[in-house]
Amino acid sequence: MSTLSGTSLADYWAPVFERDHFTCAYCGFDGRLFDNWMQLSGDHIRPRSAGGSDRLENIITACRSCNSITSR
């Protein structure tokens, strides 16, 4: 399992954002525009509470609005 100590969240999620072209997987929000990337976050496909991991294969790019929705 990964650890966040000593890194910024932007650095931690960078490989996910790059893989997903800085685009929210749910609504298509374009994070490539100036300062829009700050509205992006990583979302676990299978939540950690349900046994999901922090592996890149289990994380997608989501805008903060979509990521804050509890059920999809």
PDB file of N, CA and C in Angstrom:
ATOM      1  N   MET A   1       0.837  -1.178   0.000  1.00  0.00           N
ATOM      2  CA  MET A   1       0.000   0.000   0.000  1.00  0.00           C
ATOM      3  C   MET A   1       0.881   1.241   0.000  1.00  0.00           C
ATOM      4  N   SER A   2       0.481   2.255  -0.720  1.00  0.00           N
ATOM      5  CA  SER A   2       1.262   3.486  -0.837  1.00  0.00           C
ATOM      6  C   SER A   2       1.090   4.367   0.386  1.00  0.00           C
ATOM      7  N   THR A   3       2.031   5.260   0.558  1.00  0.00           N
ATOM      8  CA  THR A   3       1.948   6.224   1.645  1.00  0.00           C
ATOM      9  C   THR A   3       2.029   7.632   1.078  1.00  0.00           C
ATOM     10  N   LEU A   4       1.353   8.560   1.711  1.00  0.00           N
ATOM     11  CA  LEU A   4       1.340   9.938   1.236  1.00  0.00           C
ATOM     12  C   LEU A   4       2.358  10.809   1.953  1.00  0.00           C
ATOM     13  N   SER A   5       3.017  10.300   2.966  1.00  0.00           N
ATOM     14  CA  SER A   5       3.922  11.149   3.736  1.00  0.00           C
ATOM     15  C   SER A   5       5.056  11.676   2.867  1.00  0.00           C
ATOM     16  N   GLY A   6       5.290  12.974   2.963  1.00  0.00           N
ATOM     17  CA  GLY A   6       6.387  13.597   2.243  1.00  0.00           C
ATOM     18  C   GLY A   6       6.085  13.955   0.799  1.00  0.00           C
ATOM     19  N   THR A   7       4.854  13.776   0.350  1.00  0.00           N
ATOM     20  CA  THR A   7       4.510  14.118  -1.027  1.00  0.00           C
ATOM     21  C   THR A   7       3.273  14.996  -1.034  1.00  0.00           C
ATOM     22  N   SER A   8       3.128  15.786  -2.080  1.00  0.00           N
ATOM     23  CA  SER A   8       1.892  16.537  -2.236  1.00  0.00           C
ATOM     24  C   SER A   8       0.883  15.642  -2.940  1.00  0.00           C
ATOM     25  N   LEU A   9      -0.385  15.908  -2.763  1.00  0.00           N
ATOM     26  CA  LEU A   9      -1.406  15.108  -3.442  1.00  0.00           C
ATOM     27  C   LEU A   9      -1.289  15.223  -4.946  1.00  0.00           C
ATOM     28  N   ALA A  10      -0.911  16.407  -5.447  1.00  0.00           N
ATOM     29  CA  ALA A  10      -0.751  16.577  -6.893  1.00  0.00           C
ATOM     30  C   ALA A  10       0.316  15.624  -7.423  1.00  0.00           C
ATOM     31  N   ASP A  11       1.418  15.485  -6.696  1.00  0.00           N
ATOM     32  CA  ASP A  11       2.472  14.554  -7.105  1.00  0.00           C
ATOM     33  C   ASP A  11       1.992  13.112  -7.003  1.00  0.00           C
ATOM     34  N   TYR A  12       1.237  12.814  -5.970  1.00  0.00           N
ATOM     35  CA  TYR A  12       0.752  11.459  -5.746  1.00  0.00           C
ATOM     36  C   TYR A  12      -0.188  11.017  -6.863  1.00  0.00           C
ATOM     37  N   TRP A  13      -1.092  11.898  -7.269  1.00  0.00           N
ATOM     38  CA  TRP A  13      -2.088  11.557  -8.295  1.00  0.00           C
ATOM     39  C   TRP A  13      -1.598  11.804  -9.712  1.00  0.00           C
ATOM     40  N   ALA A  14      -0.439  12.427  -9.897  1.00  0.00           N
ATOM     41  CA  ALA A  14       0.036  12.797 -11.235  1.00  0.00           C
ATOM     42  C   ALA A  14       0.000  11.640 -12.237  1.00  0.00           C
ATOM     43  N   PRO A  15       0.462  10.447 -11.890  1.00  0.00           N
ATOM     44  CA  PRO A  15       0.401   9.358 -12.882  1.00  0.00           C
ATOM     45  C   PRO A  15      -1.025   9.016 -13.306  1.00  0.00           C
ATOM     46  N   VAL A  16      -1.968   9.129 -12.382  1.00  0.00           N
ATOM     47  CA  VAL A  16      -3.381   8.861 -12.698  1.00  0.00           C
ATOM     48  C   VAL A  16      -3.914   9.954 -13.619  1.00  0.00           C
ATOM     49  N   PHE A  17      -3.643  11.222 -13.266  1.00  0.00           N
ATOM     50  CA  PHE A  17      -4.114  12.338 -14.099  1.00  0.00           C
ATOM     51  C   PHE A  17      -3.558  12.223 -15.510  1.00  0.00           C
ATOM     52  N   GLU A  18      -2.285  11.936 -15.619  1.00  0.00           N
ATOM     53  CA  GLU A  18      -1.662  11.819 -16.948  1.00  0.00           C
ATOM     54  C   GLU A  18      -2.279  10.669 -17.740  1.00  0.00           C
ATOM     55  N   ARG A  19      -2.455   9.533 -17.091  1.00  0.00           N
ATOM     56  CA  ARG A  19      -3.044   8.378 -17.771  1.00  0.00           C
ATOM     57  C   ARG A  19      -4.456   8.701 -18.285  1.00  0.00           C
ATOM     58  N   ASP A  20      -5.217   9.455 -17.480  1.00  0.00           N
ATOM     59  CA  ASP A  20      -6.607   9.783 -17.816  1.00  0.00           C
ATOM     60  C   ASP A  20      -6.734  11.115 -18.561  1.00  0.00           C
ATOM     61  N   HIS A  21      -5.610  11.658 -19.009  1.00  0.00           N
ATOM     62  CA  HIS A  21      -5.577  12.916 -19.788  1.00  0.00           C
ATOM     63  C   HIS A  21      -6.220  14.089 -19.050  1.00  0.00           C
ATOM     64  N   PHE A  22      -6.033  14.132 -17.723  1.00  0.00           N
ATOM     65  CA  PHE A  22      -6.518  15.240 -16.892  1.00  0.00           C
ATOM     66  C   PHE A  22      -8.012  15.480 -17.098  1.00  0.00           C
ATOM     67  N   THR A  23      -8.778  14.398 -17.246  1.00  0.00           N
ATOM     68  CA  THR A  23     -10.213  14.493 -17.522  1.00  0.00           C
ATOM     69  C   THR A  23     -10.985  13.656 -16.512  1.00  0.00           C
ATOM     70  N   CYS A  24     -12.028  14.239 -15.929  1.00  0.00           N
ATOM     71  CA  CYS A  24     -12.877  13.518 -14.984  1.00  0.00           C
ATOM     72  C   CYS A  24     -13.561  12.357 -15.702  1.00  0.00           C
ATOM     73  N   ALA A  25     -13.466  11.172 -15.122  1.00  0.00           N
ATOM     74  CA  ALA A  25     -14.052   9.972 -15.716  1.00  0.00           C
ATOM     75  C   ALA A  25     -15.580   9.995 -15.669  1.00  0.00           C
ATOM     76  N   TYR A  26     -16.166  10.815 -14.808  1.00  0.00           N
ATOM     77  CA  TYR A  26     -17.615  10.829 -14.645  1.00  0.00           C
ATOM     78  C   TYR A  26     -18.298  11.888 -15.506  1.00  0.00           C
ATOM     79  N   CYS A  27     -17.822  13.119 -15.451  1.00  0.00           N
ATOM     80  CA  CYS A  27     -18.523  14.210 -16.157  1.00  0.00           C
ATOM     81  C   CYS A  27     -17.732  14.784 -17.322  1.00  0.00           C
ATOM     82  N   GLY A  28     -16.459  14.384 -17.472  1.00  0.00           N
ATOM     83  CA  GLY A  28     -15.640  14.877 -18.568  1.00  0.00           C
ATOM     84  C   GLY A  28     -15.005  16.233 -18.319  1.00  0.00           C
ATOM     85  N   PHE A  29     -15.041  16.722 -17.077  1.00  0.00           N
ATOM     86  CA  PHE A  29     -14.404  17.997 -16.741  1.00  0.00           C
ATOM     87  C   PHE A  29     -12.967  17.994 -17.242  1.00  0.00           C
ATOM     88  N   ASP A  30     -12.578  19.049 -17.956  1.00  0.00           N
ATOM     89  CA  ASP A  30     -11.252  19.149 -18.557  1.00  0.00           C
ATOM     90  C   ASP A  30     -10.299  19.834 -17.592  1.00  0.00           C
ATOM     91  N   GLY A  31      -9.408  19.077 -17.005  1.00  0.00           N
ATOM     92  CA  GLY A  31      -8.452  19.614 -16.053  1.00  0.00           C
ATOM     93  C   GLY A  31      -7.185  20.131 -16.702  1.00  0.00           C
ATOM     94  N   ARG A  32      -7.120  20.141 -18.031  1.00  0.00           N
ATOM     95  CA  ARG A  32      -5.917  20.609 -18.716  1.00  0.00           C
ATOM     96  C   ARG A  32      -5.846  22.121 -18.788  1.00  0.00           C
ATOM     97  N   LEU A  33      -6.955  22.805 -18.611  1.00  0.00           N
ATOM     98  CA  LEU A  33      -6.959  24.254 -18.678  1.00  0.00           C
ATOM     99  C   LEU A  33      -6.264  24.844 -17.455  1.00  0.00           C
ATOM    100  N   PHE A  34      -5.751  26.049 -17.586  1.00  0.00           N
ATOM    101  CA  PHE A  34      -4.985  26.700 -16.524  1.00  0.00           C
ATOM    102  C   PHE A  34      -5.733  26.653 -15.197  1.00  0.00           C
ATOM    103  N   ASP A  35      -5.092  26.150 -14.178  1.00  0.00           N
ATOM    104  CA  ASP A  35      -5.599  26.024 -12.807  1.00  0.00           C
ATOM    105  C   ASP A  35      -6.733  25.017 -12.636  1.00  0.00           C
ATOM    106  N   ASN A  36      -7.314  24.478 -13.722  1.00  0.00           N
ATOM    107  CA  ASN A  36      -8.385  23.497 -13.565  1.00  0.00           C
ATOM    108  C   ASN A  36      -7.879  22.197 -12.946  1.00  0.00           C
ATOM    109  N   TRP A  37      -6.605  21.857 -13.152  1.00  0.00           N
ATOM    110  CA  TRP A  37      -6.080  20.614 -12.601  1.00  0.00           C
ATOM    111  C   TRP A  37      -6.203  20.589 -11.090  1.00  0.00           C
ATOM    112  N   MET A  38      -6.270  21.766 -10.468  1.00  0.00           N
ATOM    113  CA  MET A  38      -6.401  21.816  -9.013  1.00  0.00           C
ATOM    114  C   MET A  38      -7.770  21.330  -8.552  1.00  0.00           C
ATOM    115  N   GLN A  39      -8.721  21.200  -9.469  1.00  0.00           N
ATOM    116  CA  GLN A  39     -10.053  20.703  -9.131  1.00  0.00           C
ATOM    117  C   GLN A  39     -10.144  19.187  -9.291  1.00  0.00           C
ATOM    118  N   LEU A  40      -9.037  18.545  -9.658  1.00  0.00           N
ATOM    119  CA  LEU A  40      -9.046  17.106  -9.866  1.00  0.00           C
ATOM    120  C   LEU A  40      -8.599  16.367  -8.608  1.00  0.00           C
ATOM    121  N   SER A  41      -9.081  15.154  -8.493  1.00  0.00           N
ATOM    122  CA  SER A  41      -8.656  14.286  -7.401  1.00  0.00           C
ATOM    123  C   SER A  41      -8.667  12.852  -7.908  1.00  0.00           C
ATOM    124  N   GLY A  42      -8.131  11.968  -7.119  1.00  0.00           N
ATOM    125  CA  GLY A  42      -8.170  10.553  -7.459  1.00  0.00           C
ATOM    126  C   GLY A  42      -9.348   9.908  -6.751  1.00  0.00           C
ATOM    127  N   ASP A  43     -10.046   9.028  -7.443  1.00  0.00           N
ATOM    128  CA  ASP A  43     -11.187   8.330  -6.852  1.00  0.00           C
ATOM    129  C   ASP A  43     -10.941   6.829  -6.951  1.00  0.00           C
ATOM    130  N   HIS A  44     -11.112   6.142  -5.855  1.00  0.00           N
ATOM    131  CA  HIS A  44     -10.945   4.694  -5.846  1.00  0.00           C
ATOM    132  C   HIS A  44     -12.148   4.039  -6.519  1.00  0.00           C
ATOM    133  N   ILE A  45     -11.894   3.182  -7.484  1.00  0.00           N
ATOM    134  CA  ILE A  45     -12.966   2.452  -8.155  1.00  0.00           C
ATOM    135  C   ILE A  45     -13.639   1.522  -7.144  1.00  0.00           C
ATOM    136  N   ARG A  46     -12.829   0.725  -6.485  1.00  0.00           N
ATOM    137  CA  ARG A  46     -13.319  -0.077  -5.366  1.00  0.00           C
ATOM    138  C   ARG A  46     -12.799   0.604  -4.109  1.00  0.00           C
ATOM    139  N   PRO A  47     -13.689   1.134  -3.284  1.00  0.00           N
ATOM    140  CA  PRO A  47     -13.255   1.887  -2.104  1.00  0.00           C
ATOM    141  C   PRO A  47     -12.347   1.071  -1.194  1.00  0.00           C
ATOM    142  N   ARG A  48     -11.452   1.777  -0.524  1.00  0.00           N
ATOM    143  CA  ARG A  48     -10.574   1.101   0.431  1.00  0.00           C
ATOM    144  C   ARG A  48     -11.391   0.411   1.517  1.00  0.00           C
ATOM    145  N   SER A  49     -12.518   1.019   1.899  1.00  0.00           N
ATOM    146  CA  SER A  49     -13.370   0.424   2.939  1.00  0.00           C
ATOM    147  C   SER A  49     -13.971  -0.905   2.496  1.00  0.00           C
ATOM    148  N   ALA A  50     -13.977  -1.161   1.188  1.00  0.00           N
ATOM    149  CA  ALA A  50     -14.508  -2.420   0.649  1.00  0.00           C
ATOM    150  C   ALA A  50     -13.380  -3.329   0.163  1.00  0.00           C
ATOM    151  N   GLY A  51     -12.164  -3.053   0.617  1.00  0.00           N
ATOM    152  CA  GLY A  51     -11.042  -3.895   0.264  1.00  0.00           C
ATOM    153  C   GLY A  51     -10.243  -3.419  -0.941  1.00  0.00           C
ATOM    154  N   GLY A  52     -10.572  -2.250  -1.468  1.00  0.00           N
ATOM    155  CA  GLY A  52      -9.834  -1.700  -2.599  1.00  0.00           C
ATOM    156  C   GLY A  52      -8.453  -1.242  -2.197  1.00  0.00           C
ATOM    157  N   SER A  53      -7.577  -1.168  -3.163  1.00  0.00           N
ATOM    158  CA  SER A  53      -6.192  -0.788  -2.885  1.00  0.00           C
ATOM    159  C   SER A  53      -5.891   0.610  -3.414  1.00  0.00           C
ATOM    160  N   ASP A  54      -4.678   1.082  -3.124  1.00  0.00           N
ATOM    161  CA  ASP A  54      -4.195   2.362  -3.641  1.00  0.00           C
ATOM    162  C   ASP A  54      -3.415   2.165  -4.937  1.00  0.00           C
ATOM    163  N   ARG A  55      -3.487   0.997  -5.526  1.00  0.00           N
ATOM    164  CA  ARG A  55      -2.791   0.733  -6.795  1.00  0.00           C
ATOM    165  C   ARG A  55      -3.414   1.582  -7.901  1.00  0.00           C
ATOM    166  N   LEU A  56      -2.598   2.015  -8.850  1.00  0.00           N
ATOM    167  CA  LEU A  56      -3.076   2.888  -9.924  1.00  0.00           C
ATOM    168  C   LEU A  56      -4.233   2.278 -10.702  1.00  0.00           C
ATOM    169  N   GLU A  57      -4.275   0.964 -10.795  1.00  0.00           N
ATOM    170  CA  GLU A  57      -5.355   0.300 -11.533  1.00  0.00           C
ATOM    171  C   GLU A  57      -6.710   0.466 -10.846  1.00  0.00           C
ATOM    172  N   ASN A  58      -6.704   0.834  -9.573  1.00  0.00           N
ATOM    173  CA  ASN A  58      -7.945   0.995  -8.818  1.00  0.00           C
ATOM    174  C   ASN A  58      -8.328   2.458  -8.640  1.00  0.00           C
ATOM    175  N   ILE A  59      -7.621   3.370  -9.276  1.00  0.00           N
ATOM    176  CA  ILE A  59      -7.875   4.801  -9.096  1.00  0.00           C
ATOM    177  C   ILE A  59      -8.111   5.453 -10.451  1.00  0.00           C
ATOM    178  N   ILE A  60      -9.129   6.317 -10.505  1.00  0.00           N
ATOM    179  CA  ILE A  60      -9.416   7.085 -11.714  1.00  0.00           C
ATOM    180  C   ILE A  60      -9.430   8.564 -11.366  1.00  0.00           C
ATOM    181  N   THR A  61      -9.328   9.386 -12.383  1.00  0.00           N
ATOM    182  CA  THR A  61      -9.390  10.833 -12.205  1.00  0.00           C
ATOM    183  C   THR A  61     -10.843  11.258 -12.073  1.00  0.00           C
ATOM    184  N   ALA A  62     -11.108  12.106 -11.086  1.00  0.00           N
ATOM    185  CA  ALA A  62     -12.445  12.653 -10.876  1.00  0.00           C
ATOM    186  C   ALA A  62     -12.316  14.114 -10.465  1.00  0.00           C
ATOM    187  N   CYS A  63     -13.254  14.942 -10.903  1.00  0.00           N
ATOM    188  CA  CYS A  63     -13.261  16.320 -10.396  1.00  0.00           C
ATOM    189  C   CYS A  63     -13.765  16.264  -8.953  1.00  0.00           C
ATOM    190  N   ARG A  64     -13.480  17.273  -8.202  1.00  0.00           N
ATOM    191  CA  ARG A  64     -13.860  17.260  -6.785  1.00  0.00           C
ATOM    192  C   ARG A  64     -15.370  17.159  -6.599  1.00  0.00           C
ATOM    193  N   SER A  65     -16.147  17.757  -7.506  1.00  0.00           N
ATOM    194  CA  SER A  65     -17.608  17.672  -7.394  1.00  0.00           C
ATOM    195  C   SER A  65     -18.083  16.232  -7.541  1.00  0.00           C
ATOM    196  N   CYS A  66     -17.617  15.553  -8.573  1.00  0.00           N
ATOM    197  CA  CYS A  66     -18.027  14.157  -8.786  1.00  0.00           C
ATOM    198  C   CYS A  66     -17.506  13.255  -7.675  1.00  0.00           C
ATOM    199  N   ASN A  67     -16.295  13.493  -7.230  1.00  0.00           N
ATOM    200  CA  ASN A  67     -15.703  12.647  -6.197  1.00  0.00           C
ATOM    201  C   ASN A  67     -16.409  12.818  -4.859  1.00  0.00           C
ATOM    202  N   SER A  68     -17.088  13.932  -4.662  1.00  0.00           N
ATOM    203  CA  SER A  68     -17.768  14.155  -3.386  1.00  0.00           C
ATOM    204  C   SER A  68     -19.146  13.490  -3.345  1.00  0.00           C
ATOM    205  N   ILE A  69     -19.638  13.033  -4.480  1.00  0.00           N
ATOM    206  CA  ILE A  69     -20.922  12.333  -4.516  1.00  0.00           C
ATOM    207  C   ILE A  69     -20.699  10.939  -3.942  1.00  0.00           C
ATOM    208  N   THR A  70     -21.495  10.569  -2.957  1.00  0.00           N
ATOM    209  CA  THR A  70     -21.239   9.317  -2.247  1.00  0.00           C
ATOM    210  C   THR A  70     -21.706   8.086  -3.000  1.00  0.00           C
ATOM    211  N   SER A  71     -22.731   8.179  -3.814  1.00  0.00           N
ATOM    212  CA  SER A  71     -23.185   6.994  -4.553  1.00  0.00           C
ATOM    213  C   SER A  71     -23.376   7.357  -6.009  1.00  0.00           C
ATOM    214  N   ARG A  72     -22.964   6.456  -6.862  1.00  0.00           N
ATOM    215  CA  ARG A  72     -23.096   6.665  -8.309  1.00  0.00           C
ATOM    216  C   ARG A  72     -23.900   5.553  -8.889  1.00  0.00           C
TER     217      ARG A  72
END
